[in-house]
Protein backbone atom coordinates (compact mmCIF):
# COMPACT_ATOMS: atom_id res chain seq x y z
CA MET A 1 13.38 -16.80 -12.52
CA THR A 2 14.76 -18.41 -9.39
CA GLU A 3 14.31 -22.01 -8.37
CA ALA A 4 14.71 -24.17 -5.28
CA PRO A 5 14.18 -27.85 -4.57
CA PRO A 6 10.88 -28.82 -2.93
CA GLY A 7 10.77 -30.19 0.58
CA PRO A 8 8.34 -31.38 3.22
CA PRO A 9 5.74 -28.96 4.55
CA PRO A 10 6.88 -27.00 7.59
CA GLY A 11 5.30 -27.58 10.99
CA PRO A 12 3.18 -24.95 12.76
CA ARG A 13 5.19 -21.85 13.67
CA ASP A 14 2.44 -19.61 15.03
CA PRO A 15 -0.87 -20.23 16.83
CA ALA A 16 -2.65 -19.00 13.68
CA ASP A 17 -1.05 -21.69 11.52
CA GLY A 18 -3.77 -24.23 10.81
CA TRP A 19 -6.73 -25.05 8.60
CA VAL A 20 -10.15 -23.41 8.69
CA ASP A 21 -12.90 -25.71 7.40
CA LEU A 22 -16.04 -24.25 5.84
CA PRO A 23 -19.44 -25.96 6.00
CA ASP A 24 -19.35 -26.52 2.22
CA GLY A 25 -16.18 -28.60 2.50
CA ARG A 26 -13.70 -25.95 1.44
CA ARG A 27 -10.69 -25.42 3.65
CA PHE A 28 -8.31 -22.50 3.93
CA TRP A 29 -4.99 -22.02 5.65
CA GLY A 30 -4.65 -19.52 8.51
CA ARG A 31 -6.84 -19.39 11.60
CA ALA A 32 -6.44 -15.59 11.69
CA GLY A 33 -6.95 -15.25 7.95
CA ALA A 34 -4.33 -14.88 5.28
CA ALA A 35 -2.77 -12.15 3.16
CA GLY A 36 -0.84 -11.96 -0.09
CA LEU A 37 1.36 -9.29 -1.64
CA LEU A 38 0.69 -8.17 -5.21
CA VAL A 39 3.94 -6.48 -6.22
CA VAL A 40 3.80 -4.43 -9.42
CA ALA A 41 6.76 -3.02 -11.34
CA PRO A 42 6.55 0.22 -13.38
CA ASP A 43 6.14 -1.77 -16.61
CA GLY A 44 3.07 -3.52 -15.17
CA SER A 45 4.70 -6.88 -14.56
CA VAL A 46 3.77 -8.65 -11.32
CA LEU A 47 5.74 -10.95 -9.07
CA LEU A 48 4.34 -14.50 -9.09
CA GLN A 49 5.27 -17.53 -7.04
CA HIS A 50 5.19 -21.12 -8.31
CA ARG A 51 3.83 -23.11 -5.39
CA VAL A 52 5.59 -26.25 -4.24
CA GLY A 53 3.74 -29.48 -4.96
CA TRP A 54 2.87 -30.39 -1.35
CA SER A 55 1.18 -27.02 -0.72
CA HIS A 56 -2.53 -26.28 -1.13
CA PHE A 57 -3.12 -26.18 -4.90
CA GLY A 58 0.54 -27.04 -5.36
CA GLY A 59 2.05 -26.59 -8.80
CA THR A 60 0.04 -23.43 -9.54
CA TRP A 61 1.16 -19.80 -9.77
CA GLY A 62 -0.03 -17.23 -7.26
CA LEU A 63 1.06 -14.43 -4.97
CA PRO A 64 3.64 -14.68 -2.20
CA GLY A 65 1.80 -14.67 1.09
CA GLY A 66 0.29 -16.88 3.72
CA ALA A 67 -1.32 -17.05 7.13
CA ARG A 68 -1.43 -13.91 9.23
CA HIS A 69 -0.20 -14.08 12.79
CA VAL A 70 -2.60 -13.38 15.64
CA GLY A 71 -3.07 -9.61 15.96
CA GLU A 72 -1.09 -8.91 12.80
CA SER A 73 -2.42 -6.42 10.23
CA SER A 74 -2.99 -7.53 6.66
CA LEU A 75 -0.21 -5.24 5.42
CA ASP A 76 2.30 -6.50 7.98
CA GLY A 77 1.34 -10.10 7.31
CA ALA A 78 1.62 -9.76 3.55
CA LEU A 79 4.98 -7.99 3.80
CA ARG A 80 6.38 -10.50 6.29
CA GLU A 81 5.29 -13.52 4.27
CA ALA A 82 6.56 -12.03 0.99
CA HIS A 83 9.93 -11.24 2.51
CA GLU A 84 10.21 -14.73 3.99
CA GLU A 85 9.41 -16.31 0.63
CA THR A 86 11.21 -13.97 -1.80
CA GLY A 87 13.74 -11.87 0.10
CA ILE A 88 12.36 -8.77 -1.64
CA GLU A 89 13.55 -5.43 -0.26
CA LEU A 90 10.52 -4.22 1.69
CA ALA A 91 11.82 -0.68 2.20
CA LEU A 92 11.53 -0.07 -1.56
CA LEU A 93 7.84 -1.00 -1.76
CA ARG A 94 5.00 1.56 -1.60
CA PRO A 95 1.58 0.30 -0.46
CA ARG A 96 -1.29 1.24 -2.78
CA PHE A 97 -4.54 -0.49 -1.82
CA ALA A 98 -5.96 -3.62 -0.22
CA VAL A 99 -8.93 -5.76 -1.25
CA ARG A 100 -10.50 -8.45 0.88
CA LEU A 101 -12.32 -11.70 0.26
CA ASP A 102 -14.45 -12.16 3.39
CA LEU A 103 -16.00 -15.58 4.03
CA ASP A 104 -17.12 -14.73 7.58
CA VAL A 105 -14.99 -17.39 9.28
CA TRP A 106 -11.95 -16.74 7.09
CA SER A 107 -10.63 -13.86 4.99
CA TYR A 108 -7.90 -13.27 2.46
CA THR A 109 -6.54 -9.77 1.93
CA THR A 110 -4.57 -8.87 -1.18
CA VAL A 111 -2.27 -5.89 -0.62
CA ALA A 112 -1.07 -4.20 -3.80
CA VAL A 113 2.30 -2.45 -3.62
CA ALA A 114 4.38 -0.56 -6.16
CA ALA A 115 8.03 -1.49 -6.71
CA PRO A 116 10.50 0.94 -8.33
CA SER A 117 11.62 -1.84 -10.71
CA ALA A 118 11.50 -5.60 -11.13
CA LEU A 119 13.50 -6.02 -7.94
CA PRO A 120 15.84 -8.97 -7.36
CA VAL A 121 14.14 -11.90 -5.64
CA SER A 122 15.15 -15.41 -4.69
CA VAL A 123 13.41 -18.48 -3.33
CA THR A 124 14.21 -18.25 0.36
CA ASP A 125 11.99 -20.99 1.81
CA ARG A 126 10.45 -24.31 0.74
CA GLU A 127 6.95 -23.06 0.00
CA SER A 128 7.73 -22.23 -3.62
CA THR A 129 9.83 -23.68 -6.40
CA ALA A 130 10.20 -20.54 -8.53
CA LEU A 131 9.61 -16.79 -8.59
CA GLU A 132 9.12 -14.75 -11.72
CA TRP A 133 8.19 -11.24 -12.83
CA VAL A 134 5.36 -11.89 -15.28
CA PRO A 135 4.00 -9.27 -17.73
CA ALA A 136 0.37 -8.45 -16.97
CA ASP A 137 -0.73 -9.68 -20.40
CA GLU A 138 0.79 -13.10 -19.73
CA VAL A 139 -0.56 -13.73 -16.22
CA GLU A 140 -3.67 -15.55 -17.41
CA GLN A 141 -1.53 -17.87 -19.56
CA ARG A 142 -0.13 -19.46 -16.40
CA ASP A 143 -1.73 -22.28 -14.45
CA LEU A 144 -2.99 -20.02 -11.69
CA HIS A 145 -4.06 -20.78 -8.15
CA PRO A 146 -7.90 -20.84 -8.33
CA GLY A 147 -8.28 -18.00 -5.85
CA PHE A 148 -5.85 -15.75 -7.71
CA ALA A 149 -7.36 -16.76 -11.07
CA SER A 150 -10.73 -15.55 -9.84
CA ALA A 151 -9.34 -12.33 -8.39
CA TRP A 152 -7.00 -11.28 -11.21
CA PRO A 153 -9.67 -9.90 -13.59
CA ARG A 154 -10.79 -7.59 -10.77
CA LEU A 155 -7.31 -6.72 -9.58
CA ARG A 156 -5.82 -5.78 -12.92
CA PRO A 157 -8.09 -2.73 -13.57
CA ALA A 158 -7.47 -1.54 -10.01
CA LEU A 159 -3.73 -1.68 -10.62
CA ALA A 160 -4.10 0.48 -13.73
CA ALA A 161 -6.05 3.18 -11.89
CA PRO A 162 -3.95 6.14 -10.65
CA ASP A 163 -3.31 6.40 -6.93
CA PRO A 164 -4.83 9.24 -4.92
CA VAL A 165 -2.42 12.02 -4.00
CA LEU A 166 -2.57 14.21 -0.91
CA VAL A 167 -0.68 17.51 -1.25
CA VAL A 168 -0.36 19.23 2.12
CA ASP A 169 0.13 22.98 2.52
CA ALA A 170 2.25 22.46 5.63
CA ALA A 171 2.44 26.12 6.64
CA ASN A 172 -1.33 26.47 6.46
CA VAL A 173 -1.99 23.27 8.41
CA VAL A 174 0.59 24.07 11.10
CA GLY A 175 -0.78 27.59 11.46
CA SER A 176 -4.33 26.36 11.99
CA ARG A 177 -3.58 25.01 15.47
CA PRO A 178 -2.08 27.20 18.24
CA ASP A 179 0.56 24.80 19.57
CA GLY A 180 3.47 27.24 19.78
CA TRP A 181 4.49 26.86 16.14
CA TRP A 182 5.48 30.54 15.96
CA LYS A 183 8.32 29.84 18.42
CA ASP A 184 9.68 26.78 16.59
CA ARG A 185 8.48 26.42 13.02
CA PRO A 186 10.91 23.61 12.08
CA GLY A 187 9.78 21.64 15.14
CA ALA A 188 6.10 22.20 14.37
CA ALA A 189 6.65 21.15 10.76
CA ALA A 190 8.54 18.05 11.92
CA ARG A 191 5.62 17.05 14.17
CA LEU A 192 3.24 17.37 11.23
CA LEU A 193 5.55 15.33 9.00
CA ASP A 194 5.78 12.57 11.61
CA ALA A 195 1.99 12.43 11.85
CA LEU A 196 1.72 12.33 8.06
CA GLY A 197 4.27 9.52 8.04
CA ALA A 198 2.06 7.47 10.35
CA LEU A 199 -0.88 8.08 8.02
CA ALA A 200 1.23 7.04 5.03
CA VAL A 201 2.14 3.78 6.76
CA ASP A 202 -1.31 2.97 8.16
CA GLY A 203 -3.32 4.10 5.14
CA THR A 204 -6.96 5.10 5.34
CA PRO A 205 -9.84 2.63 5.71
CA VAL A 206 -12.41 2.59 2.93
CA GLU A 207 -16.07 1.87 3.49
CA PRO A 208 -16.44 -1.50 1.72
CA GLY A 209 -18.53 -1.26 -1.42
CA GLU A 210 -20.41 -3.92 -3.26
CA GLY A 211 -18.72 -6.81 -5.00
CA VAL A 212 -16.73 -9.89 -4.16
CA LEU A 213 -13.44 -8.03 -3.67
CA PRO A 214 -14.12 -4.57 -2.24
CA VAL A 215 -11.26 -2.16 -1.61
CA VAL A 216 -10.95 -1.91 2.17
CA ARG A 217 -7.90 0.37 2.53
CA ARG A 218 -5.93 2.84 0.46
CA TRP A 219 -2.50 4.33 0.92
CA PRO A 220 -2.44 7.75 -0.79
CA ARG A 221 0.81 9.30 -1.94
CA ILE A 222 1.50 12.12 0.50
CA VAL A 223 3.44 15.21 -0.57
CA ALA A 224 4.14 17.87 2.07
CA VAL A 225 5.24 21.29 0.81
CA LEU A 226 7.37 23.34 3.23
CA GLU A 227 8.52 26.92 2.99
CA GLY A 228 10.55 29.46 4.93
CA ARG A 229 12.00 28.42 8.26
CA ALA A 230 10.02 25.17 8.17
CA ASN A 231 12.39 23.97 5.44
CA ASP A 232 14.81 23.02 8.22
CA ALA A 233 12.49 20.24 9.42
CA GLN A 234 13.78 16.68 9.07
CA ASP A 235 12.20 14.31 6.56
CA ALA A 236 9.68 11.70 7.66
CA ALA A 237 9.39 8.13 6.45
CA ALA A 238 6.89 7.46 3.63
CA VAL A 239 6.24 11.19 3.03
CA GLU A 240 7.63 13.08 0.06
CA VAL A 241 8.86 16.40 1.40
CA VAL A 242 9.17 19.29 -1.05
CA ARG A 243 11.06 22.35 0.21
CA SER A 244 10.08 25.51 -1.59
CA SER A 245 12.78 28.11 -2.13
CA GLY A 246 10.15 30.70 -3.06
CA SER A 247 6.38 30.79 -2.89
CA GLY A 248 4.90 27.75 -1.22
CA ASP A 249 1.64 28.34 -3.08
CA ASP A 250 3.41 28.24 -6.43
CA GLU A 251 5.13 25.00 -5.46
CA ILE A 252 1.81 23.42 -4.48
CA VAL A 253 0.35 24.38 -7.86
CA ALA A 254 3.39 22.81 -9.52
CA GLN A 255 2.80 19.59 -7.57
CA VAL A 256 -0.84 19.48 -8.70
CA ARG A 257 0.35 19.83 -12.30
CA ARG A 258 2.93 17.11 -11.70
CA PHE A 259 0.22 14.62 -10.75
CA ALA A 260 -2.16 15.56 -13.55
CA GLY A 261 -4.43 12.60 -14.28
CA SER A 262 -4.44 11.41 -10.67
CA PRO A 263 -7.08 12.27 -8.09
CA VAL A 264 -5.36 15.05 -6.12
CA THR A 265 -6.57 16.64 -2.89
CA VAL A 266 -4.83 19.75 -1.59
CA VAL A 267 -5.09 20.39 2.14
CA THR A 268 -5.27 24.13 2.68
CA ALA A 269 -7.58 26.85 3.98
CA ASP A 270 -6.07 29.45 1.65
CA ARG A 271 -8.93 30.55 -0.59
CA GLY A 272 -6.73 31.94 -3.33
CA LEU A 273 -4.65 28.77 -3.48
CA GLY A 274 -7.82 26.70 -3.39
CA ASP A 275 -9.15 28.53 -6.45
CA ARG A 276 -5.88 27.94 -8.31
CA VAL A 277 -5.69 24.18 -7.68
CA ARG A 278 -9.40 23.58 -8.28
CA ALA A 279 -8.97 25.23 -11.68
CA LEU A 280 -6.48 22.43 -12.41
CA GLY A 281 -8.95 19.71 -11.39
CA ALA A 282 -7.81 19.12 -7.81
CA GLU A 283 -10.08 18.94 -4.82
CA THR A 284 -9.44 20.81 -1.59
CA ALA A 285 -9.91 19.98 2.08
CA GLY A 286 -9.48 22.17 5.12
CA PRO A 287 -6.75 21.59 7.72
CA GLY A 288 -9.38 20.55 10.26
CA ARG A 289 -10.30 17.45 8.27
CA LEU A 290 -6.67 16.36 8.04
CA LEU A 291 -5.93 17.06 11.70
CA ALA A 292 -8.99 15.08 12.76
CA LEU A 293 -7.79 12.16 10.66
CA LEU A 294 -4.28 12.40 12.12
CA ASP A 295 -5.60 12.67 15.68
CA ALA A 296 -7.73 9.58 15.14
């Protein structure tokens, strides 16, 4: 646990810094809405912030986060605020999903991210007095911020659910579009990896379902399997690149087995490969569906 002395509340730093008052008397911070980062370690512990006394619901435990800037995405806002308040290494975090509390005139988005371990953190501003990695079973024993206390019973099962995995048959996808790939396979593969990297960063929107905290965005784990000359393509950020030294199909089957228990979708138009991975419980999607998503 890290600690810092409290201090006076900071003045406005962005046009979105300010209160939003609801007709029922409730008030919320952030004219453009707010976002918080729910960081989860492999053992299930979550990073909690003890709020400084002068803050809204001061003295309670909640998530690092705060007001979004004008035009800022929920993910970017949650990451920025968490880094400002904890110093956590953002490059090591993998986005998983986002849920949103929408009150029409104000919204709060919780972005869940996976950390490779209980990463080092420190109190880096005056909005909190302590930071602590708290085991999931002990979260409800803390004096929680009312908003987080209400959300936690819904968030915890979502954290336990496996993340969707997208396994991409890169050779099949590249070969489905005549863009000169036969002249430069490493270059064509690199273009696909870059596009997949953008998808991995942006995530995919989810049609909001019923409930108080619907999932509004997911970030699937993306695994791209290369083979042959395409193995010379450079890696792309946020995409796991697997270079097959033999059969690309066999490697894709191995990746489906690796993620057994998770919802896996294999992107390929190869019928034989499709039969093999569906026998293992995976779903399949044609290259056209992926390319349309990437083009969008």
